[in-house]
C-alpha atoms as a PDB file:
ATOM      1  CA  MET A   1       0.000   0.000   0.000  1.00  0.00           C
ATOM      2  CA  GLN A   2       1.303   3.430  -0.943  1.00  0.00           C
ATOM      3  CA  ILE A   3       1.101   6.020   1.816  1.00  0.00           C
ATOM      4  CA  GLN A   4       1.606   9.762   1.786  1.00  0.00           C
ATOM      5  CA  ALA A   5       5.291  10.678   1.817  1.00  0.00           C
ATOM      6  CA  MET A   6       6.401  12.003   5.182  1.00  0.00           C
ATOM      7  CA  LEU A   7       6.418  15.786   5.396  1.00  0.00           C
ATOM      8  CA  LEU A   8       9.807  17.464   5.714  1.00  0.00           C
ATOM      9  CA  ILE A   9       9.083  20.851   7.250  1.00  0.00           C
ATOM     10  CA  PRO A  10      11.816  23.508   7.183  1.00  0.00           C
ATOM     11  CA  ALA A  11      11.866  25.687  10.290  1.00  0.00           C
ATOM     12  CA  ILE A  12      12.146  29.443  10.076  1.00  0.00           C
ATOM     13  CA  ASP A  13      12.840  30.757  13.556  1.00  0.00           C
ATOM     14  CA  LEU A  14      12.258  34.499  13.828  1.00  0.00           C
ATOM     15  CA  LYS A  15      14.114  36.781  16.219  1.00  0.00           C
ATOM     16  CA  ASP A  16      13.988  40.563  15.801  1.00  0.00           C
ATOM     17  CA  GLY A  17      12.633  40.098  12.266  1.00  0.00           C
ATOM     18  CA  LYS A  18      15.561  37.904  11.205  1.00  0.00           C
ATOM     19  CA  CYS A  19      15.893  34.185  10.518  1.00  0.00           C
ATOM     20  CA  VAL A  20      18.004  32.615  13.283  1.00  0.00           C
ATOM     21  CA  ARG A  21      18.706  29.296  14.963  1.00  0.00           C
ATOM     22  CA  LEU A  22      19.102  28.734  18.683  1.00  0.00           C
ATOM     23  CA  ARG A  23      20.921  26.020  20.567  1.00  0.00           C
ATOM     24  CA  GLN A  24      18.671  24.244  23.077  1.00  0.00           C
ATOM     25  CA  GLY A  25      16.244  27.157  23.075  1.00  0.00           C
ATOM     26  CA  ARG A  26      18.677  29.719  24.520  1.00  0.00           C
ATOM     27  CA  MET A  27      18.003  33.186  23.106  1.00  0.00           C
ATOM     28  CA  GLU A  28      21.535  34.292  23.962  1.00  0.00           C
ATOM     29  CA  ASP A  29      22.967  31.428  21.869  1.00  0.00           C
ATOM     30  CA  SER A  30      21.577  32.353  18.452  1.00  0.00           C
ATOM     31  CA  THR A  31      23.030  32.442  14.946  1.00  0.00           C
ATOM     32  CA  VAL A  32      21.579  34.780  12.319  1.00  0.00           C
ATOM     33  CA  PHE A  33      21.194  33.025   8.970  1.00  0.00           C
ATOM     34  CA  SER A  34      19.221  35.606   7.006  1.00  0.00           C
ATOM     35  CA  ASP A  35      17.933  39.169   7.252  1.00  0.00           C
ATOM     36  CA  ASP A  36      15.173  38.255   4.762  1.00  0.00           C
ATOM     37  CA  PRO A  37      12.878  35.496   6.096  1.00  0.00           C
ATOM     38  CA  VAL A  38      10.556  35.752   3.072  1.00  0.00           C
ATOM     39  CA  ALA A  39      13.442  34.990   0.714  1.00  0.00           C
ATOM     40  CA  MET A  40      14.488  32.116   3.001  1.00  0.00           C
ATOM     41  CA  ALA A  41      10.967  30.704   2.813  1.00  0.00           C
ATOM     42  CA  GLY A  42      11.188  30.904  -0.972  1.00  0.00           C
ATOM     43  CA  ARG A  43      14.425  28.973  -0.899  1.00  0.00           C
ATOM     44  CA  TRP A  44      12.778  26.056   0.899  1.00  0.00           C
ATOM     45  CA  VAL A  45       9.695  26.178  -1.318  1.00  0.00           C
ATOM     46  CA  ASP A  46      11.944  25.987  -4.387  1.00  0.00           C
ATOM     47  CA  ALA A  47      13.642  22.933  -2.846  1.00  0.00           C
ATOM     48  CA  GLY A  48      10.298  21.133  -2.602  1.00  0.00           C
ATOM     49  CA  ALA A  49       8.961  21.937   0.870  1.00  0.00           C
ATOM     50  CA  ARG A  50       5.245  21.119   1.207  1.00  0.00           C
ATOM     51  CA  ARG A  51       4.833  22.923   4.541  1.00  0.00           C
ATOM     52  CA  LEU A  52       6.745  25.528   6.565  1.00  0.00           C
ATOM     53  CA  HIS A  53       7.222  25.784  10.316  1.00  0.00           C
ATOM     54  CA  LEU A  54       7.503  29.365  11.564  1.00  0.00           C
ATOM     55  CA  VAL A  55       8.412  30.230  15.153  1.00  0.00           C
ATOM     56  CA  ASP A  56       8.155  33.665  16.729  1.00  0.00           C
ATOM     57  CA  LEU A  57      11.018  33.283  19.205  1.00  0.00           C
ATOM     58  CA  ASN A  58      10.564  36.734  20.702  1.00  0.00           C
ATOM     59  CA  GLY A  59       6.868  35.928  21.003  1.00  0.00           C
ATOM     60  CA  ALA A  60       7.552  32.684  22.859  1.00  0.00           C
ATOM     61  CA  PHE A  61       9.370  34.609  25.571  1.00  0.00           C
ATOM     62  CA  ALA A  62       7.107  37.693  25.525  1.00  0.00           C
ATOM     63  CA  GLY A  63       3.899  35.652  25.597  1.00  0.00           C
ATOM     64  CA  LYS A  64       2.476  37.614  22.661  1.00  0.00           C
ATOM     65  CA  PRO A  65       3.272  37.964  18.937  1.00  0.00           C
ATOM     66  CA  VAL A  66       6.351  40.035  18.120  1.00  0.00           C
ATOM     67  CA  ASN A  67       7.190  38.930  14.567  1.00  0.00           C
ATOM     68  CA  ALA A  68       3.604  38.716  13.278  1.00  0.00           C
ATOM     69  CA  GLN A  69       4.221  41.113  10.392  1.00  0.00           C
ATOM     70  CA  VAL A  70       7.027  38.954   9.017  1.00  0.00           C
ATOM     71  CA  ILE A  71       4.842  35.866   9.328  1.00  0.00           C
ATOM     72  CA  ARG A  72       2.031  37.640   7.497  1.00  0.00           C
ATOM     73  CA  ARG A  73       4.411  38.554   4.649  1.00  0.00           C
ATOM     74  CA  ILE A  74       5.527  34.936   4.280  1.00  0.00           C
ATOM     75  CA  ALA A  75       1.925  33.684   4.253  1.00  0.00           C
ATOM     76  CA  GLN A  76       0.994  36.266   1.611  1.00  0.00           C
ATOM     77  CA  ALA A  77       4.012  35.394  -0.523  1.00  0.00           C
ATOM     78  CA  PHE A  78       3.084  31.674  -0.585  1.00  0.00           C
ATOM     79  CA  PRO A  79      -0.724  31.528  -0.357  1.00  0.00           C
ATOM     80  CA  ASP A  80      -0.989  27.880  -1.460  1.00  0.00           C
ATOM     81  CA  LEU A  81       1.595  26.567   1.012  1.00  0.00           C
ATOM     82  CA  PRO A  82       0.413  25.205   4.377  1.00  0.00           C
ATOM     83  CA  ILE A  83       2.156  27.145   7.146  1.00  0.00           C
ATOM     84  CA  GLN A  84       2.214  26.278  10.824  1.00  0.00           C
ATOM     85  CA  VAL A  85       3.127  28.951  13.364  1.00  0.00           C
ATOM     86  CA  GLY A  86       4.137  28.791  16.997  1.00  0.00           C
ATOM     87  CA  GLY A  87       5.526  31.132  19.628  1.00  0.00           C
ATOM     88  CA  GLY A  88       3.551  33.462  21.855  1.00  0.00           C
ATOM     89  CA  ILE A  89       0.061  32.261  20.901  1.00  0.00           C
ATOM     90  CA  ARG A  90      -1.819  32.605  24.173  1.00  0.00           C
ATOM     91  CA  ASP A  91      -5.314  33.816  23.218  1.00  0.00           C
ATOM     92  CA  GLU A  92      -8.062  33.437  20.604  1.00  0.00           C
ATOM     93  CA  ALA A  93      -7.443  36.894  19.147  1.00  0.00           C
ATOM     94  CA  THR A  94      -3.920  35.865  18.145  1.00  0.00           C
ATOM     95  CA  VAL A  95      -5.198  32.630  16.588  1.00  0.00           C
ATOM     96  CA  ASP A  96      -7.820  34.612  14.694  1.00  0.00           C
ATOM     97  CA  ALA A  97      -5.243  37.078  13.395  1.00  0.00           C
ATOM     98  CA  TYR A  98      -2.884  34.357  12.162  1.00  0.00           C
ATOM     99  CA  LEU A  99      -5.625  32.383  10.397  1.00  0.00           C
ATOM    100  CA  ASP A 100      -6.859  35.585   8.775  1.00  0.00           C
ATOM    101  CA  ALA A 101      -3.291  36.232   7.594  1.00  0.00           C
ATOM    102  CA  GLY A 102      -3.285  32.925   5.701  1.00  0.00           C
ATOM    103  CA  VAL A 103      -1.607  30.651   8.237  1.00  0.00           C
ATOM    104  CA  GLN A 104      -3.179  27.176   8.217  1.00  0.00           C
ATOM    105  CA  PHE A 105      -2.137  25.810  11.615  1.00  0.00           C
ATOM    106  CA  VAL A 106      -1.392  27.423  14.966  1.00  0.00           C
ATOM    107  CA  ILE A 107       0.870  25.613  17.400  1.00  0.00           C
ATOM    108  CA  ILE A 108       0.097  26.062  21.075  1.00  0.00           C
ATOM    109  CA  GLY A 109       2.848  25.168  23.525  1.00  0.00           C
ATOM    110  CA  THR A 110       3.150  26.780  26.953  1.00  0.00           C
ATOM    111  CA  LYS A 111      -0.526  27.723  27.228  1.00  0.00           C
ATOM    112  CA  ALA A 112      -1.553  24.158  26.345  1.00  0.00           C
ATOM    113  CA  VAL A 113       0.466  22.724  29.217  1.00  0.00           C
ATOM    114  CA  GLN A 114      -0.485  25.380  31.746  1.00  0.00           C
ATOM    115  CA  GLU A 115      -4.169  25.694  30.794  1.00  0.00           C
ATOM    116  CA  PRO A 116      -5.296  22.543  28.948  1.00  0.00           C
ATOM    117  CA  HIS A 117      -8.935  23.714  28.791  1.00  0.00           C
ATOM    118  CA  PHE A 118      -7.765  26.445  26.383  1.00  0.00           C
ATOM    119  CA  ILE A 119      -7.047  23.755  23.777  1.00  0.00           C
ATOM    120  CA  ASN A 120     -10.514  22.297  24.131  1.00  0.00           C
ATOM    121  CA  GLU A 121     -12.029  25.726  23.499  1.00  0.00           C
ATOM    122  CA  LEU A 122      -9.738  26.401  20.515  1.00  0.00           C
ATOM    123  CA  CYS A 123     -10.536  23.084  18.870  1.00  0.00           C
ATOM    124  CA  LEU A 124     -14.244  23.835  19.131  1.00  0.00           C
ATOM    125  CA  GLU A 125     -13.759  27.326  17.706  1.00  0.00           C
ATOM    126  CA  TYR A 126     -11.155  26.503  15.048  1.00  0.00           C
ATOM    127  CA  PRO A 127     -11.503  22.810  14.151  1.00  0.00           C
ATOM    128  CA  GLY A 128      -8.738  21.497  11.921  1.00  0.00           C
ATOM    129  CA  HIS A 129      -6.339  24.334  12.655  1.00  0.00           C
ATOM    130  CA  VAL A 130      -4.899  23.539  16.095  1.00  0.00           C
ATOM    131  CA  ILE A 131      -1.612  21.724  16.733  1.00  0.00           C
ATOM    132  CA  VAL A 132      -0.066  21.297  20.180  1.00  0.00           C
ATOM    133  CA  GLY A 133       3.673  21.577  20.624  1.00  0.00           C
ATOM    134  CA  LEU A 134       5.032  19.376  23.390  1.00  0.00           C
ATOM    135  CA  ASP A 135       8.655  20.058  24.238  1.00  0.00           C
ATOM    136  CA  ALA A 136      10.107  17.430  26.505  1.00  0.00           C
ATOM    137  CA  LYS A 137      13.111  16.583  28.573  1.00  0.00           C
ATOM    138  CA  ASP A 138      13.231  13.189  30.273  1.00  0.00           C
ATOM    139  CA  GLY A 139       9.539  12.676  29.482  1.00  0.00           C
ATOM    140  CA  ARG A 140       8.345  15.880  31.127  1.00  0.00           C
ATOM    141  CA  ALA A 141       6.901  18.869  29.309  1.00  0.00           C
ATOM    142  CA  ALA A 142       8.778  22.169  29.310  1.00  0.00           C
ATOM    143  CA  VAL A 143       7.166  25.615  29.144  1.00  0.00           C
ATOM    144  CA  ASN A 144       8.030  29.301  28.673  1.00  0.00           C
ATOM    145  CA  GLY A 145      10.536  28.921  25.877  1.00  0.00           C
ATOM    146  CA  TRP A 146      11.923  25.772  27.522  1.00  0.00           C
ATOM    147  CA  SER A 147      13.056  27.784  30.535  1.00  0.00           C
ATOM    148  CA  LYS A 148      10.968  25.691  32.960  1.00  0.00           C
ATOM    149  CA  LEU A 149      10.145  21.997  33.293  1.00  0.00           C
ATOM    150  CA  SER A 150       6.590  21.170  34.329  1.00  0.00           C
ATOM    151  CA  LYS A 151       5.493  18.152  36.343  1.00  0.00           C
ATOM    152  CA  HIS A 152       3.343  16.878  33.471  1.00  0.00           C
ATOM    153  CA  ASP A 153       4.089  13.656  31.599  1.00  0.00           C
ATOM    154  CA  VAL A 154       4.213  14.201  27.842  1.00  0.00           C
ATOM    155  CA  VAL A 155       2.215  11.085  26.929  1.00  0.00           C
ATOM    156  CA  ASP A 156      -0.539  11.905  29.422  1.00  0.00           C
ATOM    157  CA  LEU A 157      -0.830  15.418  28.025  1.00  0.00           C
ATOM    158  CA  ALA A 158      -0.887  14.182  24.424  1.00  0.00           C
ATOM    159  CA  ARG A 159      -3.812  11.883  25.229  1.00  0.00           C
ATOM    160  CA  ILE A 160      -5.772  14.779  26.704  1.00  0.00           C
ATOM    161  CA  PHE A 161      -5.168  16.929  23.621  1.00  0.00           C
ATOM    162  CA  GLU A 162      -6.085  14.024  21.349  1.00  0.00           C
ATOM    163  CA  ARG A 163      -9.486  13.879  23.040  1.00  0.00           C
ATOM    164  CA  ASP A 164      -9.836  17.628  22.564  1.00  0.00           C
ATOM    165  CA  GLY A 165      -9.473  17.196  18.809  1.00  0.00           C
ATOM    166  CA  VAL A 166      -6.069  18.665  17.911  1.00  0.00           C
ATOM    167  CA  GLU A 167      -4.738  17.942  14.416  1.00  0.00           C
ATOM    168  CA  ALA A 168      -1.282  16.751  15.472  1.00  0.00           C
ATOM    169  CA  ILE A 169       1.418  16.900  18.132  1.00  0.00           C
ATOM    170  CA  VAL A 170       4.779  18.497  17.424  1.00  0.00           C
ATOM    171  CA  TYR A 171       7.177  16.626  19.680  1.00  0.00           C
ATOM    172  CA  THR A 172      10.551  18.186  20.447  1.00  0.00           C
ATOM    173  CA  ASP A 173      13.339  16.598  22.434  1.00  0.00           C
ATOM    174  CA  ILE A 174      14.907  19.693  23.998  1.00  0.00           C
ATOM    175  CA  GLY A 175      18.209  17.968  24.656  1.00  0.00           C
ATOM    176  CA  ARG A 176      18.686  17.341  20.931  1.00  0.00           C
ATOM    177  CA  ASP A 177      17.418  20.611  19.453  1.00  0.00           C
ATOM    178  CA  GLY A 178      20.000  22.600  17.540  1.00  0.00           C
ATOM    179  CA  MET A 179      22.798  20.323  18.732  1.00  0.00           C
ATOM    180  CA  MET A 180      23.099  18.203  15.557  1.00  0.00           C
ATOM    181  CA  GLN A 181      23.067  15.009  17.631  1.00  0.00           C
ATOM    182  CA  GLY A 182      20.367  13.107  15.792  1.00  0.00           C
ATOM    183  CA  VAL A 183      16.651  12.742  16.346  1.00  0.00           C
ATOM    184  CA  ASN A 184      15.284  10.832  19.334  1.00  0.00           C
ATOM    185  CA  VAL A 185      13.441   8.201  17.286  1.00  0.00           C
ATOM    186  CA  GLU A 186      12.658   5.964  20.258  1.00  0.00           C
ATOM    187  CA  ALA A 187      10.902   8.674  22.281  1.00  0.00           C
ATOM    188  CA  THR A 188       9.061   9.949  19.203  1.00  0.00           C
ATOM    189  CA  VAL A 189       7.776   6.460  18.364  1.00  0.00           C
ATOM    190  CA  LYS A 190       6.738   5.874  21.973  1.00  0.00           C
ATOM    191  CA  LEU A 191       4.570   8.985  21.865  1.00  0.00           C
ATOM    192  CA  ALA A 192       3.144   8.184  18.420  1.00  0.00           C
ATOM    193  CA  GLN A 193       2.170   4.678  19.535  1.00  0.00           C
ATOM    194  CA  ALA A 194       0.333   6.056  22.578  1.00  0.00           C
ATOM    195  CA  ILE A 195      -2.037   8.236  20.534  1.00  0.00           C
ATOM    196  CA  SER A 196      -3.959   7.990  17.261  1.00  0.00           C
ATOM    197  CA  ILE A 197      -3.352  11.535  15.984  1.00  0.00           C
ATOM    198  CA  PRO A 198      -0.175  12.198  13.974  1.00  0.00           C
ATOM    199  CA  VAL A 199       3.135  13.189  15.529  1.00  0.00           C
ATOM    200  CA  ILE A 200       5.584  15.594  13.928  1.00  0.00           C
ATOM    201  CA  ALA A 201       9.169  14.972  15.031  1.00  0.00           C
ATOM    202  CA  SER A 202      11.306  17.936  15.961  1.00  0.00           C
ATOM    203  CA  GLY A 203      14.692  18.489  17.519  1.00  0.00           C
ATOM    204  CA  GLY A 204      17.923  16.907  16.324  1.00  0.00           C
ATOM    205  CA  VAL A 205      16.899  15.984  12.762  1.00  0.00           C
ATOM    206  CA  SER A 206      20.355  16.620  11.373  1.00  0.00           C
ATOM    207  CA  THR A 207      21.304  14.035   8.722  1.00  0.00           C
ATOM    208  CA  LEU A 208      19.778  12.048   5.889  1.00  0.00           C
ATOM    209  CA  ASP A 209      20.122   9.009   8.140  1.00  0.00           C
ATOM    210  CA  ASP A 210      17.764  10.697  10.608  1.00  0.00           C
ATOM    211  CA  VAL A 211      15.289  11.158   7.770  1.00  0.00           C
ATOM    212  CA  ARG A 212      15.639   7.490   6.792  1.00  0.00           C
ATOM    213  CA  ALA A 213      15.186   6.410  10.425  1.00  0.00           C
ATOM    214  CA  LEU A 214      11.939   8.372  10.695  1.00  0.00           C
ATOM    215  CA  CYS A 215      10.685   7.049   7.349  1.00  0.00           C
ATOM    216  CA  ALA A 216      11.256   3.530   8.670  1.00  0.00           C
ATOM    217  CA  VAL A 217       8.845   4.151  11.568  1.00  0.00           C
ATOM    218  CA  GLN A 218       6.449   6.463   9.746  1.00  0.00           C
ATOM    219  CA  GLN A 219       3.681   3.871   9.920  1.00  0.00           C
ATOM    220  CA  GLU A 220       3.682   4.212  13.722  1.00  0.00           C
ATOM    221  CA  GLY A 221       2.013   7.589  13.248  1.00  0.00           C
ATOM    222  CA  ILE A 222       4.860   9.990  12.449  1.00  0.00           C
ATOM    223  CA  MET A 223       3.580  12.292   9.717  1.00  0.00           C
ATOM    224  CA  GLY A 224       6.537  14.613   9.411  1.00  0.00           C
ATOM    225  CA  ALA A 225       9.775  16.061  10.680  1.00  0.00           C
ATOM    226  CA  ILE A 226      10.791  19.660  11.320  1.00  0.00           C
ATOM    227  CA  ILE A 227      14.318  20.419  10.155  1.00  0.00           C
ATOM    228  CA  GLY A 228      16.234  23.483  11.264  1.00  0.00           C
ATOM    229  CA  ARG A 229      19.948  23.952  11.783  1.00  0.00           C
ATOM    230  CA  ALA A 230      20.969  21.101   9.471  1.00  0.00           C
ATOM    231  CA  LEU A 231      19.462  22.952   6.507  1.00  0.00           C
ATOM    232  CA  TYR A 232      21.086  26.243   7.418  1.00  0.00           C
ATOM    233  CA  ASP A 233      24.500  24.751   8.123  1.00  0.00           C
ATOM    234  CA  GLY A 234      24.366  22.852   4.840  1.00  0.00           C
ATOM    235  CA  ALA A 235      24.582  19.486   6.600  1.00  0.00           C
ATOM    236  CA  MET A 236      21.390  18.382   4.831  1.00  0.00           C
ATOM    237  CA  ASP A 237      20.141  19.087   1.330  1.00  0.00           C
ATOM    238  CA  LEU A 238      16.362  19.473   1.406  1.00  0.00           C
ATOM    239  CA  ALA A 239      15.816  18.366  -2.181  1.00  0.00           C
ATOM    240  CA  GLU A 240      17.802  15.177  -1.551  1.00  0.00           C
ATOM    241  CA  ALA A 241      15.901  14.538   1.683  1.00  0.00           C
ATOM    242  CA  GLN A 242      12.638  15.033  -0.235  1.00  0.00           C
ATOM    243  CA  ARG A 243      13.672  12.342  -2.698  1.00  0.00           C
ATOM    244  CA  ILE A 244      14.261   9.929   0.198  1.00  0.00           C
ATOM    245  CA  VAL A 245      10.813  10.453   1.737  1.00  0.00           C
ATOM    246  CA  THR A 246       9.092  10.265  -1.648  1.00  0.00           C
ATOM    247  CA  ALA A 247      10.767   6.932  -2.405  1.00  0.00           C
ATOM    248  CA  ALA A 248       9.924   5.645   1.074  1.00  0.00           C
ATOM    249  CA  GLY A 249       6.268   6.567   0.583  1.00  0.00           C
ATOM    250  CA  GLU A 250       6.126   4.752  -2.759  1.00  0.00           C
ATOM    251  CA  ASN A 251       7.623   1.599  -1.242  1.00  0.00           C
ATOM    252  CA  GLN A 252       5.160   1.332   1.649  1.00  0.00           C
END
């Protein structure tokens, strides 16, 4: 049976209007890769990206949108491309504004962990547009730009959000993010097997072997992978990675 090829989702992390990458979520440890995020988005679209992952880093720490204008420009430049946005989305007005701007999915992180009922309300109001981002270290969810670890178990939270009706879970292993150490396949599979909604892997996807490893377990419920630093450092060629996932989809 042929299944849909796994999504490879380039990350565009926005800080002060620029495209940057952080190491392990530390704002003080950032590298600027482009002053023109719209052009960077175009680069990934040209390489075959079927979805983009945008993060308002300033927003994640401020608790409100800071780079919304840049995100709006990207959405307007690529109106047919599904875009998912996270960082600082803490109320319905922000969700409304992003969806009006052409964004297809909003990713709720900190607010989801701290106030789970908010997700239930969002899913009722905006069905089909809500994704929850669960960032974990040692199985526990982190909040506030990864600056704090909560007491909540990631799998337990994911099951609650599944019942609420979210579209997918973006699962990030904080210890791997931006460190080029490889994706935590085992933890990602464990989460995917515990729920029936799709999981998007994030954090540490740094080589073509990581892509192959995720393709091999795609049937467990892993619909995609977010790729950041590896693309910007040149350690991974997106077009080549796309060929791998397309071939894997045809062979399953």
